[in-house]
Amino acid sequence: MRDILETWVARPGAIAPAAAGRYARAYTPEVVAGVCAEFRAAFHLDRTMDDDDRRAGRRIACPVLVHWGAEEGSMSDGPLLVWRRWAGDVRGGPIPCGHFIPEEAPDELAGSLVRFLGETASEPAR
């Protein structure tokens, strides 16, 4: 866990040692098993359900906000393209950070959430 927290960030040391310690303590064997089960479900169970939803024409009706770390590689607007397959109103973009957006760019993320929630709260219901 500590290696991930040190290497998946855009800037070394972006996650404070105290926060890294809390993450490390939280990753008990039971939590690790649960995380692995979630990834397995996403590959096996979720794909079948997604296929069913696509065939039935089901889409997300509310606005969707999507962010990713700009330093995570050449994602460009790839995540937006993926989510637009599922929803008609997809907003967002990269945030200048690595993988851990809330820890690396809390002000940028909070600002985006406030803007998004303010915009969507004033829009008519669909």
Protein backbone atom coordinates (compact mmCIF):
# COMPACT_ATOMS: atom_id res chain seq x y z
CA MET A 1 0.00 0.00 0.00
CA ARG A 2 2.77 2.42 0.86
CA ASP A 3 4.45 1.78 -2.51
CA ILE A 4 1.22 2.59 -4.34
CA LEU A 5 0.76 5.78 -2.33
CA GLU A 6 4.32 6.82 -3.15
CA THR A 7 4.39 5.90 -6.84
CA TRP A 8 0.89 6.64 -8.15
CA VAL A 9 1.08 10.33 -7.21
CA ALA A 10 2.18 13.13 -9.53
CA ARG A 11 4.55 14.60 -6.94
CA PRO A 12 6.58 12.52 -4.51
CA GLY A 13 5.40 13.12 -0.96
CA ALA A 14 1.99 14.39 -2.08
CA ILE A 15 0.31 12.17 0.50
CA ALA A 16 1.38 13.08 4.01
CA PRO A 17 3.03 10.32 6.06
CA ALA A 18 0.20 10.39 8.62
CA ALA A 19 -2.40 9.89 5.86
CA ALA A 20 -0.31 7.11 4.29
CA GLY A 21 -0.16 5.44 7.70
CA ARG A 22 -3.95 5.57 8.01
CA TYR A 23 -4.32 3.97 4.58
CA ALA A 24 -1.81 1.26 5.47
CA ARG A 25 -3.60 0.48 8.76
CA ALA A 26 -6.98 0.37 6.99
CA TYR A 27 -5.78 -2.18 4.42
CA THR A 28 -6.33 -5.24 6.56
CA PRO A 29 -6.42 -8.69 4.95
CA GLU A 30 -10.23 -8.49 4.96
CA VAL A 31 -10.20 -5.14 3.17
CA VAL A 32 -7.70 -6.39 0.58
CA ALA A 33 -9.93 -9.43 -0.05
CA GLY A 34 -12.94 -7.12 -0.48
CA VAL A 35 -11.08 -4.88 -2.94
CA CYS A 36 -10.01 -7.91 -4.97
CA ALA A 37 -13.60 -9.21 -4.95
CA GLU A 38 -14.83 -5.86 -6.25
CA PHE A 39 -12.37 -5.95 -9.16
CA ARG A 40 -13.37 -9.53 -9.97
CA ALA A 41 -17.04 -8.55 -9.91
CA ALA A 42 -16.38 -5.61 -12.20
CA PHE A 43 -14.85 -7.94 -14.75
CA HIS A 44 -17.30 -10.83 -14.49
CA LEU A 45 -20.65 -9.80 -13.01
CA ASP A 46 -20.76 -6.14 -14.01
CA ARG A 47 -19.95 -6.84 -17.65
CA THR A 48 -23.00 -9.10 -17.99
CA MET A 49 -25.23 -6.52 -16.31
CA ASP A 50 -23.77 -3.76 -18.51
CA ASP A 51 -24.52 -5.80 -21.62
CA ASP A 52 -28.11 -6.31 -20.42
CA ASP A 53 -28.48 -2.56 -19.79
CA ARG A 54 -27.12 -1.71 -23.24
CA ARG A 55 -29.49 -4.11 -24.96
CA ALA A 56 -32.42 -2.66 -22.98
CA GLY A 57 -31.35 0.91 -23.83
CA ARG A 58 -30.93 1.90 -20.18
CA ARG A 59 -28.86 5.03 -19.55
CA ILE A 60 -28.06 7.25 -16.58
CA ALA A 61 -30.61 10.07 -16.55
CA CYS A 62 -28.91 12.53 -14.19
CA PRO A 63 -25.81 14.65 -14.93
CA VAL A 64 -22.54 12.79 -14.29
CA LEU A 65 -19.25 14.35 -13.17
CA VAL A 66 -16.07 12.48 -14.14
CA HIS A 67 -12.52 13.35 -13.11
CA TRP A 68 -9.17 11.62 -13.38
CA GLY A 69 -5.58 12.53 -12.61
CA ALA A 70 -3.97 14.35 -15.53
CA GLU A 71 -0.61 12.77 -14.73
CA GLU A 72 -1.92 9.19 -14.99
CA GLY A 73 -0.88 8.84 -18.60
CA SER A 74 -2.38 9.72 -21.95
CA MET A 75 -6.03 9.47 -21.01
CA SER A 76 -6.99 12.67 -22.85
CA ASP A 77 -10.81 12.66 -22.73
CA GLY A 78 -11.06 8.87 -22.77
CA PRO A 79 -13.01 8.58 -19.51
CA LEU A 80 -15.57 11.10 -20.79
CA LEU A 81 -16.03 9.06 -23.97
CA VAL A 82 -16.62 5.91 -21.93
CA TRP A 83 -19.17 7.57 -19.64
CA ARG A 84 -20.98 9.19 -22.57
CA ARG A 85 -21.89 5.68 -23.67
CA TRP A 86 -23.91 5.48 -20.46
CA ALA A 87 -25.22 9.02 -19.87
CA GLY A 88 -26.33 11.96 -21.97
CA ASP A 89 -24.91 14.70 -19.74
CA VAL A 90 -21.31 13.96 -18.81
CA ARG A 91 -19.06 16.73 -17.53
CA GLY A 92 -15.59 16.97 -16.07
CA GLY A 93 -12.04 16.45 -17.15
CA PRO A 94 -8.56 15.86 -15.85
CA ILE A 95 -7.36 17.39 -12.62
CA PRO A 96 -3.65 18.22 -12.27
CA CYS A 97 -2.53 15.32 -10.09
CA GLY A 98 -1.84 11.60 -10.10
CA HIS A 99 -4.19 8.81 -9.07
CA PHE A 100 -5.27 10.12 -5.66
CA ILE A 101 -7.36 13.17 -6.58
CA PRO A 102 -8.78 14.07 -3.13
CA GLU A 103 -5.37 13.85 -1.52
CA GLU A 104 -3.36 15.52 -4.27
CA ALA A 105 -5.76 18.22 -5.48
CA PRO A 106 -8.42 18.74 -2.79
CA ASP A 107 -9.10 22.39 -3.66
CA GLU A 108 -9.51 21.72 -7.38
CA LEU A 109 -11.79 18.76 -6.70
CA ALA A 110 -13.89 20.64 -4.15
CA GLY A 111 -14.24 23.59 -6.52
CA SER A 112 -15.37 21.31 -9.33
CA LEU A 113 -17.91 19.59 -7.08
CA VAL A 114 -19.32 22.93 -5.87
CA ARG A 115 -19.65 24.19 -9.47
CA PHE A 116 -21.21 20.92 -10.66
CA LEU A 117 -23.69 20.72 -7.80
CA GLY A 118 -24.59 24.40 -8.22
CA GLU A 119 -25.14 23.97 -11.96
CA THR A 120 -27.17 20.80 -11.67
CA ALA A 121 -29.26 22.09 -8.77
CA SER A 122 -30.48 24.99 -10.91
CA GLU A 123 -31.30 22.83 -13.94
CA PRO A 124 -34.84 21.64 -14.53
CA ALA A 125 -35.52 18.03 -13.59
CA ARG A 126 -35.62 15.58 -16.47
